[in-house]
Every structure is written in structure tokens, then in C-alpha cells.
């Protein structure tokens, strides 16, 4: 009879750990009747401060600006920006991470005009003069001929005039 294999239970905590942080309790004795996500709440506070400062500067020059709509200006504009920031996901990233990566790219690569090849920076791409080395013929020292690898299946190595073993090129006849 076949033996019964012992199975192991593997738990996946990915969905639980990706759940956003939420605010429910404000003080020791006061609880909200609903939860508020932490990141949108922080975004709202930051946008509220920025909107208040912008409105304050505008009211310095135009004292009667927002006289009837000051509360709407202070609440609706930060709410709109908070909603916009949570909905916009450029390249599937958080908007703040995208802006950070873009600024890093802009000042680290784009403005200095760096060139990359296979993930490494190429220093000589901006040089105006390019020099080539002389071609070296690869020959067999015994009979001064080079056989192509297409003619036979035998792996052969040739030695160039510097005494270095080099693999035979298949396009030479």
C-alpha cells in the first residue's frame, strides 16, 4: 500500500501585510465610528497646509478673495488633491516613488548626458576621435593555415603571433 505523505500547510501573509495602515482610535477614550487610512490622511493634512499658505498669500494681496468660500477652498481643494494622488499610479508605482525615481534619473543621468551599455556607464562615448587597433591574423603555427570550424567538428584553437590561444572564427575560409 502506498504510504500517506505528510502534507505541510503554508500560509500566505501577502494580502494581510499589504493591507493599508488605518486610524481608528484618536485618544485613549475616543474612537472613530469608521476607519481612516493613514497615507491619505497625511496627504490631506499636507495639502491642507499648502492650500492654507497659498490662500493666505493670495489674501495678503487681495483681502476679499475667498471671503464667502474660504471653508470650501480649505476643504475641497485638499480633498481633490488627496483623491488625485491616490488614483494616479504612473507605471504602477506610488506617485511619490515615481517622482523620486524621476528626479533621480533627471539629475543623475539625463542632465549630465551619461551613456550606458549593459547597465554600466560608458566613459568614451563623448570622445570625438576614435582609434582602432590593427587587425591580428589568427594562424596555426605548424602549417600557417587556419581551418574554419564549419569544415569539421573537431575543436581547434589557433595561436596568433603574440602566442595567445584564440578560438577559430567560423567566417574565415
N, C-alpha and C. Protein backbone atom coordinates (compact mmCIF):
# COMPACT_ATOMS: atom_id res chain seq x y z
N UNK A 1 0.82 -1.18 0.00
CA UNK A 1 0.00 0.00 0.00
C UNK A 1 0.87 1.25 0.00
N UNK A 2 0.33 2.23 -0.65
CA UNK A 2 1.07 3.49 -0.72
C UNK A 2 1.04 4.19 0.63
N UNK A 3 2.18 4.69 1.00
CA UNK A 3 2.26 5.40 2.26
C UNK A 3 1.65 6.79 2.13
N UNK A 4 1.03 7.19 3.16
CA UNK A 4 0.40 8.51 3.15
C UNK A 4 1.47 9.56 3.48
N UNK A 5 1.64 10.53 2.54
CA UNK A 5 2.65 11.56 2.77
C UNK A 5 2.08 12.63 3.69
N UNK A 6 2.95 13.10 4.53
CA UNK A 6 2.54 14.15 5.45
C UNK A 6 2.55 15.48 4.70
N UNK A 7 1.46 16.18 4.70
CA UNK A 7 1.40 17.46 3.99
C UNK A 7 1.68 18.60 4.95
N UNK A 8 2.22 19.62 4.40
CA UNK A 8 2.60 20.79 5.17
C UNK A 8 1.72 21.95 4.76
N UNK A 9 1.23 22.71 5.68
CA UNK A 9 0.36 23.85 5.39
C UNK A 9 1.24 25.10 5.32
N UNK A 10 1.13 25.81 4.21
CA UNK A 10 1.90 27.04 4.02
C UNK A 10 0.91 28.20 3.99
N UNK A 11 1.14 29.15 4.85
CA UNK A 11 0.26 30.31 4.91
C UNK A 11 0.83 31.44 4.06
N UNK A 12 -0.04 32.14 3.37
CA UNK A 12 0.37 33.28 2.56
C UNK A 12 -0.11 34.55 3.26
N UNK A 13 0.83 35.32 3.79
CA UNK A 13 0.51 36.54 4.52
C UNK A 13 0.58 37.78 3.65
N UNK A 14 0.77 37.61 2.36
CA UNK A 14 0.99 38.74 1.46
C UNK A 14 -0.19 39.71 1.48
N UNK A 15 -1.41 39.19 1.35
CA UNK A 15 -2.57 40.07 1.31
C UNK A 15 -2.78 40.79 2.65
N UNK A 16 -2.52 40.11 3.73
CA UNK A 16 -2.70 40.72 5.05
C UNK A 16 -1.65 41.81 5.31
N UNK A 17 -0.42 41.58 4.86
CA UNK A 17 0.63 42.57 5.10
C UNK A 17 0.54 43.76 4.16
N UNK A 18 -0.15 43.59 3.03
CA UNK A 18 -0.33 44.71 2.11
C UNK A 18 -1.55 45.57 2.46
N UNK A 19 -2.26 45.20 3.47
CA UNK A 19 -3.41 45.98 3.91
C UNK A 19 -2.90 47.32 4.43
N UNK A 20 -3.51 48.44 4.00
CA UNK A 20 -3.01 49.75 4.41
C UNK A 20 -3.24 50.01 5.90
N UNK A 21 -2.37 50.83 6.46
CA UNK A 21 -2.50 51.22 7.87
C UNK A 21 -3.73 52.10 8.01
N UNK A 22 -4.50 51.90 9.10
CA UNK A 22 -5.73 52.65 9.29
C UNK A 22 -5.77 53.24 10.69
N UNK A 23 -6.44 54.41 10.79
CA UNK A 23 -6.60 55.10 12.07
C UNK A 23 -8.02 54.84 12.56
N UNK A 24 -8.16 54.39 13.78
CA UNK A 24 -9.49 54.16 14.36
C UNK A 24 -9.60 54.86 15.71
N UNK A 25 -8.53 54.85 16.50
CA UNK A 25 -8.55 55.42 17.84
C UNK A 25 -7.74 56.71 17.84
N UNK A 26 -8.35 57.80 18.29
CA UNK A 26 -7.65 59.08 18.31
C UNK A 26 -6.99 59.30 19.68
N UNK A 27 -7.74 59.13 20.74
CA UNK A 27 -7.18 59.23 22.09
C UNK A 27 -7.48 57.92 22.83
N UNK A 28 -7.13 57.88 24.11
CA UNK A 28 -7.39 56.66 24.87
C UNK A 28 -8.88 56.38 25.02
N UNK A 29 -9.68 57.43 25.08
CA UNK A 29 -11.11 57.25 25.32
C UNK A 29 -11.98 57.50 24.10
N UNK A 30 -11.43 58.04 23.04
CA UNK A 30 -12.27 58.40 21.89
C UNK A 30 -11.93 57.53 20.68
N UNK A 31 -12.94 56.86 20.15
CA UNK A 31 -12.82 56.03 18.96
C UNK A 31 -13.66 56.64 17.85
N UNK A 32 -13.16 56.54 16.63
CA UNK A 32 -13.96 56.97 15.47
C UNK A 32 -14.96 55.87 15.12
N UNK A 33 -16.12 56.25 14.60
CA UNK A 33 -17.08 55.22 14.19
C UNK A 33 -16.70 54.54 12.88
N UNK A 34 -15.66 55.01 12.22
CA UNK A 34 -15.17 54.45 10.96
C UNK A 34 -13.65 54.56 10.96
N UNK A 35 -13.01 53.89 10.02
CA UNK A 35 -11.55 53.94 9.94
C UNK A 35 -11.13 54.89 8.83
N UNK A 36 -9.96 55.47 9.00
CA UNK A 36 -9.36 56.37 8.01
C UNK A 36 -7.98 55.81 7.68
N UNK A 37 -7.68 55.67 6.39
CA UNK A 37 -6.35 55.20 6.01
C UNK A 37 -5.32 56.26 6.35
N UNK A 38 -4.14 55.81 6.77
CA UNK A 38 -3.11 56.72 7.27
C UNK A 38 -2.51 57.59 6.16
N UNK A 39 -2.14 56.99 5.03
CA UNK A 39 -1.46 57.74 3.97
C UNK A 39 -2.36 58.82 3.37
N UNK A 40 -3.62 58.52 3.01
CA UNK A 40 -4.48 59.61 2.53
C UNK A 40 -4.73 60.69 3.59
N UNK A 41 -4.77 60.30 4.86
CA UNK A 41 -4.95 61.30 5.93
C UNK A 41 -3.73 62.23 6.00
N UNK A 42 -2.54 61.66 5.90
CA UNK A 42 -1.33 62.50 5.90
C UNK A 42 -1.27 63.38 4.65
N UNK A 43 -1.67 62.81 3.49
CA UNK A 43 -1.72 63.62 2.27
C UNK A 43 -2.68 64.79 2.44
N UNK A 44 -3.84 64.53 3.03
CA UNK A 44 -4.83 65.59 3.23
C UNK A 44 -4.27 66.69 4.13
N UNK A 45 -3.60 66.33 5.21
CA UNK A 45 -3.03 67.33 6.12
C UNK A 45 -1.96 68.16 5.41
N UNK A 46 -1.10 67.51 4.64
CA UNK A 46 -0.06 68.24 3.90
C UNK A 46 -0.69 69.19 2.87
N UNK A 47 -1.66 68.69 2.11
CA UNK A 47 -2.33 69.55 1.12
C UNK A 47 -3.14 70.66 1.79
N UNK A 48 -3.69 70.39 2.98
CA UNK A 48 -4.41 71.42 3.73
C UNK A 48 -3.47 72.55 4.12
N UNK A 49 -2.28 72.20 4.60
CA UNK A 49 -1.31 73.22 4.98
C UNK A 49 -0.85 74.02 3.76
N UNK A 50 -0.58 73.34 2.65
CA UNK A 50 -0.15 74.03 1.43
C UNK A 50 -1.26 74.94 0.90
N UNK A 51 -2.50 74.46 0.93
CA UNK A 51 -3.64 75.27 0.46
C UNK A 51 -3.86 76.47 1.38
N UNK A 52 -3.73 76.27 2.69
CA UNK A 52 -3.88 77.38 3.62
C UNK A 52 -2.82 78.46 3.38
N UNK A 53 -1.56 78.03 3.18
CA UNK A 53 -0.49 79.00 2.92
C UNK A 53 -0.72 79.73 1.59
N UNK A 54 -1.14 79.00 0.55
CA UNK A 54 -1.42 79.65 -0.74
C UNK A 54 -2.58 80.62 -0.61
N UNK A 55 -3.64 80.25 0.10
CA UNK A 55 -4.78 81.15 0.32
C UNK A 55 -4.40 82.35 1.15
N UNK A 56 -3.54 82.15 2.15
CA UNK A 56 -3.09 83.26 2.99
C UNK A 56 -2.28 84.27 2.18
N UNK A 57 -1.40 83.76 1.28
CA UNK A 57 -0.61 84.65 0.42
C UNK A 57 -1.53 85.39 -0.55
N UNK A 58 -2.52 84.70 -1.11
CA UNK A 58 -3.47 85.36 -2.02
C UNK A 58 -4.26 86.43 -1.28
N UNK A 59 -4.67 86.14 -0.03
CA UNK A 59 -5.44 87.12 0.75
C UNK A 59 -4.60 88.30 1.20
N UNK A 60 -3.28 88.16 1.23
CA UNK A 60 -2.41 89.31 1.53
C UNK A 60 -2.53 90.37 0.44
N UNK A 61 -2.61 89.92 -0.83
CA UNK A 61 -2.69 90.84 -1.95
C UNK A 61 -4.14 91.23 -2.27
N UNK A 62 -5.07 90.32 -2.12
CA UNK A 62 -6.50 90.56 -2.37
C UNK A 62 -7.27 90.21 -1.10
N UNK A 63 -7.50 91.17 -0.23
CA UNK A 63 -8.09 90.86 1.09
C UNK A 63 -9.48 90.24 1.04
N UNK A 64 -10.24 90.49 -0.01
CA UNK A 64 -11.61 89.96 -0.06
C UNK A 64 -11.71 88.68 -0.90
N UNK A 65 -10.58 88.13 -1.30
CA UNK A 65 -10.61 86.86 -2.04
C UNK A 65 -11.05 85.75 -1.10
N UNK A 66 -11.86 84.87 -1.57
CA UNK A 66 -12.39 83.74 -0.81
C UNK A 66 -13.17 84.16 0.43
N UNK A 67 -13.74 85.33 0.42
CA UNK A 67 -14.44 85.79 1.61
C UNK A 67 -15.66 84.92 1.93
N UNK A 68 -16.39 84.48 0.91
CA UNK A 68 -17.56 83.64 1.14
C UNK A 68 -17.25 82.15 0.97
N UNK A 69 -16.11 81.83 0.38
CA UNK A 69 -15.80 80.43 0.06
C UNK A 69 -14.51 79.94 0.73
N UNK A 70 -14.10 80.58 1.82
CA UNK A 70 -12.85 80.21 2.46
C UNK A 70 -12.88 78.77 2.96
N UNK A 71 -13.98 78.35 3.58
CA UNK A 71 -14.09 76.99 4.10
C UNK A 71 -14.08 75.97 2.96
N UNK A 72 -14.81 76.26 1.90
CA UNK A 72 -14.85 75.36 0.74
C UNK A 72 -13.47 75.27 0.10
N UNK A 73 -12.78 76.42 0.00
CA UNK A 73 -11.43 76.44 -0.55
C UNK A 73 -10.48 75.60 0.30
N UNK A 74 -10.61 75.72 1.63
CA UNK A 74 -9.69 74.99 2.52
C UNK A 74 -9.97 73.49 2.59
N UNK A 75 -11.19 73.07 2.35
CA UNK A 75 -11.51 71.65 2.47
C UNK A 75 -11.55 70.95 1.12
N UNK A 76 -12.19 71.54 0.12
CA UNK A 76 -12.39 70.86 -1.16
C UNK A 76 -11.10 70.71 -1.97
N UNK A 77 -10.25 71.71 -1.97
CA UNK A 77 -9.00 71.63 -2.75
C UNK A 77 -8.08 70.53 -2.19
N UNK A 78 -7.84 70.46 -0.87
CA UNK A 78 -7.02 69.34 -0.36
C UNK A 78 -7.68 67.98 -0.57
N UNK A 79 -9.01 67.91 -0.46
CA UNK A 79 -9.70 66.64 -0.73
C UNK A 79 -9.52 66.21 -2.18
N UNK A 80 -9.61 67.16 -3.10
CA UNK A 80 -9.42 66.85 -4.52
C UNK A 80 -7.99 66.36 -4.77
N UNK A 81 -7.00 67.05 -4.22
CA UNK A 81 -5.61 66.64 -4.43
C UNK A 81 -5.33 65.28 -3.77
N UNK A 82 -5.92 65.03 -2.62
CA UNK A 82 -5.75 63.73 -1.96
C UNK A 82 -6.35 62.62 -2.81
N UNK A 83 -7.54 62.84 -3.34
CA UNK A 83 -8.18 61.86 -4.22
C UNK A 83 -7.34 61.63 -5.47
N UNK A 84 -6.80 62.73 -6.04
CA UNK A 84 -5.99 62.63 -7.25
C UNK A 84 -4.71 61.82 -7.01
N UNK A 85 -4.06 62.07 -5.88
CA UNK A 85 -2.81 61.37 -5.56
C UNK A 85 -3.06 59.88 -5.33
N UNK A 86 -4.19 59.51 -4.74
CA UNK A 86 -4.45 58.09 -4.52
C UNK A 86 -4.83 57.38 -5.81
N UNK A 87 -5.40 58.09 -6.78
CA UNK A 87 -5.83 57.46 -8.03
C UNK A 87 -4.72 57.36 -9.07
N UNK A 88 -3.81 58.31 -9.10
CA UNK A 88 -2.75 58.32 -10.11
C UNK A 88 -1.66 57.33 -9.71
N UNK A 89 -1.40 56.36 -10.57
CA UNK A 89 -0.32 55.38 -10.35
C UNK A 89 0.50 55.27 -11.63
N UNK A 90 1.45 56.20 -11.84
CA UNK A 90 2.27 56.11 -13.05
C UNK A 90 3.17 54.88 -13.01
N UNK A 91 3.15 54.11 -14.08
CA UNK A 91 3.93 52.88 -14.21
C UNK A 91 3.67 51.91 -13.06
N UNK A 92 2.48 51.98 -12.48
CA UNK A 92 2.09 51.07 -11.40
C UNK A 92 2.75 51.37 -10.07
N UNK A 93 3.42 52.52 -9.95
CA UNK A 93 4.12 52.86 -8.72
C UNK A 93 3.31 53.88 -7.92
N UNK A 94 3.70 54.03 -6.69
CA UNK A 94 3.20 55.11 -5.86
C UNK A 94 3.68 56.42 -6.50
N UNK A 95 2.86 57.47 -6.46
CA UNK A 95 3.21 58.73 -7.13
C UNK A 95 4.48 59.34 -6.53
N UNK A 96 4.67 59.20 -5.22
CA UNK A 96 5.85 59.77 -4.58
C UNK A 96 7.12 59.02 -4.98
N UNK A 97 7.04 57.70 -5.07
CA UNK A 97 8.19 56.91 -5.51
C UNK A 97 8.52 57.21 -6.97
N UNK A 98 7.49 57.42 -7.79
CA UNK A 98 7.71 57.75 -9.19
C UNK A 98 8.41 59.09 -9.32
N UNK A 99 7.95 60.09 -8.57
CA UNK A 99 8.58 61.43 -8.62
C UNK A 99 10.02 61.35 -8.14
N UNK A 100 10.26 60.59 -7.06
CA UNK A 100 11.62 60.44 -6.55
C UNK A 100 12.53 59.78 -7.58
N UNK A 101 12.07 58.68 -8.20
CA UNK A 101 12.86 57.99 -9.22
C UNK A 101 13.09 58.87 -10.44
N UNK A 102 12.08 59.64 -10.83
CA UNK A 102 12.22 60.51 -12.00
C UNK A 102 13.23 61.63 -11.74
N UNK A 103 13.18 62.24 -10.56
CA UNK A 103 14.14 63.30 -10.22
C UNK A 103 15.55 62.73 -10.14
N UNK A 104 15.69 61.52 -9.58
CA UNK A 104 17.00 60.86 -9.52
C UNK A 104 17.53 60.59 -10.93
N UNK A 105 16.65 60.13 -11.82
CA UNK A 105 17.05 59.89 -13.22
C UNK A 105 17.41 61.20 -13.91
N UNK A 106 16.60 62.23 -13.67
CA UNK A 106 16.81 63.51 -14.34
C UNK A 106 18.16 64.12 -13.98
N UNK A 107 18.47 64.16 -12.68
CA UNK A 107 19.71 64.79 -12.26
C UNK A 107 20.91 63.84 -12.29
N UNK A 108 20.68 62.54 -12.29
CA UNK A 108 21.79 61.59 -12.30
C UNK A 108 22.21 61.13 -13.67
N UNK A 109 21.27 61.11 -14.65
CA UNK A 109 21.56 60.55 -15.96
C UNK A 109 21.26 61.53 -17.09
N UNK A 110 20.07 62.09 -17.09
CA UNK A 110 19.61 62.89 -18.23
C UNK A 110 20.37 64.21 -18.37
N UNK A 111 20.46 65.00 -17.32
CA UNK A 111 21.13 66.30 -17.40
C UNK A 111 22.64 66.15 -17.61
N UNK A 112 23.34 65.21 -16.90
CA UNK A 112 24.77 65.03 -17.21
C UNK A 112 25.03 64.33 -18.54
N UNK A 113 23.98 63.83 -19.22
CA UNK A 113 24.07 63.15 -20.51
C UNK A 113 25.00 61.94 -20.45
N UNK A 114 24.77 61.10 -19.45
CA UNK A 114 25.55 59.87 -19.32
C UNK A 114 25.02 58.83 -20.29
N UNK A 115 25.91 57.97 -20.77
CA UNK A 115 25.53 56.90 -21.68
C UNK A 115 25.82 55.56 -21.00
N UNK A 116 24.91 54.59 -21.16
CA UNK A 116 25.05 53.30 -20.52
C UNK A 116 24.97 52.18 -21.54
N UNK A 117 25.69 51.11 -21.27
CA UNK A 117 25.63 49.91 -22.09
C UNK A 117 25.67 48.71 -21.14
N UNK A 118 24.65 47.86 -21.19
CA UNK A 118 24.53 46.70 -20.31
C UNK A 118 24.61 47.08 -18.83
N UNK A 119 24.00 48.18 -18.48
CA UNK A 119 23.95 48.61 -17.09
C UNK A 119 25.20 49.28 -16.56
N UNK A 120 26.21 49.47 -17.40
CA UNK A 120 27.44 50.12 -16.95
C UNK A 120 27.63 51.40 -17.74
N UNK A 121 28.18 52.41 -17.08
CA UNK A 121 28.40 53.69 -17.74
C UNK A 121 29.55 53.58 -18.73
N UNK A 122 29.37 54.15 -19.91
CA UNK A 122 30.40 54.15 -20.95
C UNK A 122 31.04 55.53 -20.95
N UNK A 123 32.32 55.56 -20.64
CA UNK A 123 33.04 56.83 -20.50
C UNK A 123 33.42 57.44 -21.85
N UNK A 124 33.74 56.62 -22.83
CA UNK A 124 34.35 57.10 -24.07
C UNK A 124 33.33 57.46 -25.15
N UNK A 125 32.04 57.45 -24.86
CA UNK A 125 31.03 57.73 -25.88
C UNK A 125 31.07 59.18 -26.36
N UNK A 126 31.55 60.10 -25.54
CA UNK A 126 31.56 61.51 -25.92
C UNK A 126 32.86 61.95 -26.58
N UNK A 127 33.81 61.03 -26.76
CA UNK A 127 35.08 61.40 -27.39
C UNK A 127 34.87 61.62 -28.88
N UNK A 128 35.57 62.62 -29.40
CA UNK A 128 35.41 62.97 -30.82
C UNK A 128 36.27 62.09 -31.73
N UNK A 129 37.45 61.68 -31.24
CA UNK A 129 38.35 60.90 -32.06
C UNK A 129 38.33 59.45 -31.60
N UNK A 130 38.10 58.56 -32.55
CA UNK A 130 38.07 57.13 -32.26
C UNK A 130 39.23 56.47 -32.99
N UNK A 131 40.03 55.69 -32.28
CA UNK A 131 41.17 54.99 -32.90
C UNK A 131 40.92 53.49 -32.84
N UNK A 132 41.32 52.81 -33.90
CA UNK A 132 41.17 51.37 -33.98
C UNK A 132 42.55 50.72 -33.95
N UNK A 133 42.64 49.53 -33.37
CA UNK A 133 43.90 48.79 -33.36
C UNK A 133 44.00 48.02 -34.66
N UNK A 134 45.23 47.64 -35.00
CA UNK A 134 45.44 46.84 -36.20
C UNK A 134 44.86 45.46 -36.02
N UNK A 135 44.33 44.91 -37.10
CA UNK A 135 43.78 43.56 -37.06
C UNK A 135 44.91 42.55 -36.91
N UNK A 136 44.70 41.51 -36.16
CA UNK A 136 45.68 40.46 -35.95
C UNK A 136 45.14 39.20 -36.63
N UNK A 137 45.96 38.59 -37.50
CA UNK A 137 45.55 37.36 -38.17
C UNK A 137 45.76 36.19 -37.24
N UNK A 138 44.80 35.32 -37.20
CA UNK A 138 44.88 34.14 -36.35
C UNK A 138 45.30 32.98 -37.25
N UNK A 139 46.50 32.41 -36.96
CA UNK A 139 47.03 31.32 -37.80
C UNK A 139 47.55 30.21 -36.92
N UNK A 140 47.60 29.03 -37.49
CA UNK A 140 48.18 27.87 -36.83
C UNK A 140 49.68 27.91 -37.09
N UNK A 141 50.53 27.81 -36.06
CA UNK A 141 51.97 27.95 -36.23
C UNK A 141 52.57 26.78 -37.01
N UNK A 142 51.93 25.62 -36.95
CA UNK A 142 52.52 24.45 -37.60
C UNK A 142 52.46 24.56 -39.12
N UNK A 143 51.30 24.84 -39.67
CA UNK A 143 51.20 24.86 -41.13
C UNK A 143 50.74 26.22 -41.67
N UNK A 144 50.79 27.25 -40.87
CA UNK A 144 50.42 28.61 -41.26
C UNK A 144 49.07 28.69 -41.94
N UNK A 145 48.12 27.89 -41.51
CA UNK A 145 46.77 27.94 -42.05
C UNK A 145 45.79 27.95 -40.89
N UNK A 146 44.64 28.48 -41.20
CA UNK A 146 43.56 28.49 -40.23
C UNK A 146 42.38 27.76 -40.84
N UNK A 147 41.95 26.70 -40.18
CA UNK A 147 40.79 25.98 -40.67
C UNK A 147 39.55 26.55 -40.00
N UNK A 148 38.49 26.63 -40.74
CA UNK A 148 37.25 27.12 -40.16
C UNK A 148 36.59 26.00 -39.38
N UNK A 149 35.77 26.36 -38.42
CA UNK A 149 35.10 25.35 -37.60
C UNK A 149 33.91 24.75 -38.33
N UNK A 150 33.55 25.31 -39.48
CA UNK A 150 32.45 24.77 -40.25
C UNK A 150 32.88 23.52 -41.00
N UNK A 151 34.17 23.43 -41.37
CA UNK A 151 34.64 22.32 -42.19
C UNK A 151 34.68 21.00 -41.45
N UNK A 152 34.96 21.01 -40.16
CA UNK A 152 34.97 19.76 -39.42
C UNK A 152 34.44 20.01 -38.00
N UNK A 153 34.15 18.93 -37.30
CA UNK A 153 33.59 19.04 -35.96
C UNK A 153 34.66 19.13 -34.87
N UNK A 154 35.91 18.99 -35.24
CA UNK A 154 37.00 18.98 -34.28
C UNK A 154 37.23 20.39 -33.74
N UNK A 155 37.23 20.52 -32.41
CA UNK A 155 37.50 21.83 -31.84
C UNK A 155 38.98 22.12 -31.97
N UNK A 156 39.31 23.20 -32.63
CA UNK A 156 40.70 23.57 -32.81
C UNK A 156 40.90 24.99 -32.31
N UNK A 157 42.06 25.20 -31.77
CA UNK A 157 42.43 26.53 -31.34
C UNK A 157 43.61 26.97 -32.18
N UNK A 158 43.69 28.22 -32.45
CA UNK A 158 44.82 28.75 -33.20
C UNK A 158 45.58 29.69 -32.29
N UNK A 159 46.80 29.97 -32.67
CA UNK A 159 47.66 30.85 -31.88
C UNK A 159 48.00 32.05 -32.74
N UNK A 160 47.79 33.24 -32.22
CA UNK A 160 48.17 34.41 -33.00
C UNK A 160 49.65 34.69 -32.80
N UNK A 161 50.15 35.74 -33.46
CA UNK A 161 51.60 35.96 -33.42
C UNK A 161 52.12 36.36 -32.05
N UNK A 162 51.24 36.72 -31.12
CA UNK A 162 51.68 37.04 -29.76
C UNK A 162 51.75 35.78 -28.90
N UNK A 163 51.39 34.61 -29.46
CA UNK A 163 51.46 33.37 -28.71
C UNK A 163 50.23 33.11 -27.88
N UNK A 164 49.18 33.83 -28.13
CA UNK A 164 47.95 33.68 -27.35
C UNK A 164 47.01 32.74 -28.07
N UNK A 165 46.39 31.81 -27.32
CA UNK A 165 45.45 30.88 -27.93
C UNK A 165 44.12 31.59 -28.14
N UNK A 166 43.62 31.53 -29.37
CA UNK A 166 42.39 32.20 -29.72
C UNK A 166 41.49 31.19 -30.42
N UNK A 167 40.21 31.27 -30.15
CA UNK A 167 39.27 30.36 -30.80
C UNK A 167 39.12 30.74 -32.27
N UNK A 168 38.96 29.76 -33.14
CA UNK A 168 38.88 30.00 -34.58
C UNK A 168 37.54 30.61 -34.93
N UNK A 169 37.58 31.57 -35.80
CA UNK A 169 36.35 32.19 -36.27
C UNK A 169 35.77 31.35 -37.40
N UNK A 170 34.45 31.19 -37.42
CA UNK A 170 33.84 30.32 -38.41
C UNK A 170 33.64 31.03 -39.75
N UNK A 171 33.77 32.34 -39.81
CA UNK A 171 33.52 33.03 -41.08
C UNK A 171 34.77 33.14 -41.95
N UNK A 172 35.93 32.68 -41.47
CA UNK A 172 37.17 32.72 -42.27
C UNK A 172 37.28 31.45 -43.08
N UNK A 173 37.69 31.52 -44.32
CA UNK A 173 37.89 30.34 -45.17
C UNK A 173 39.36 30.07 -45.34
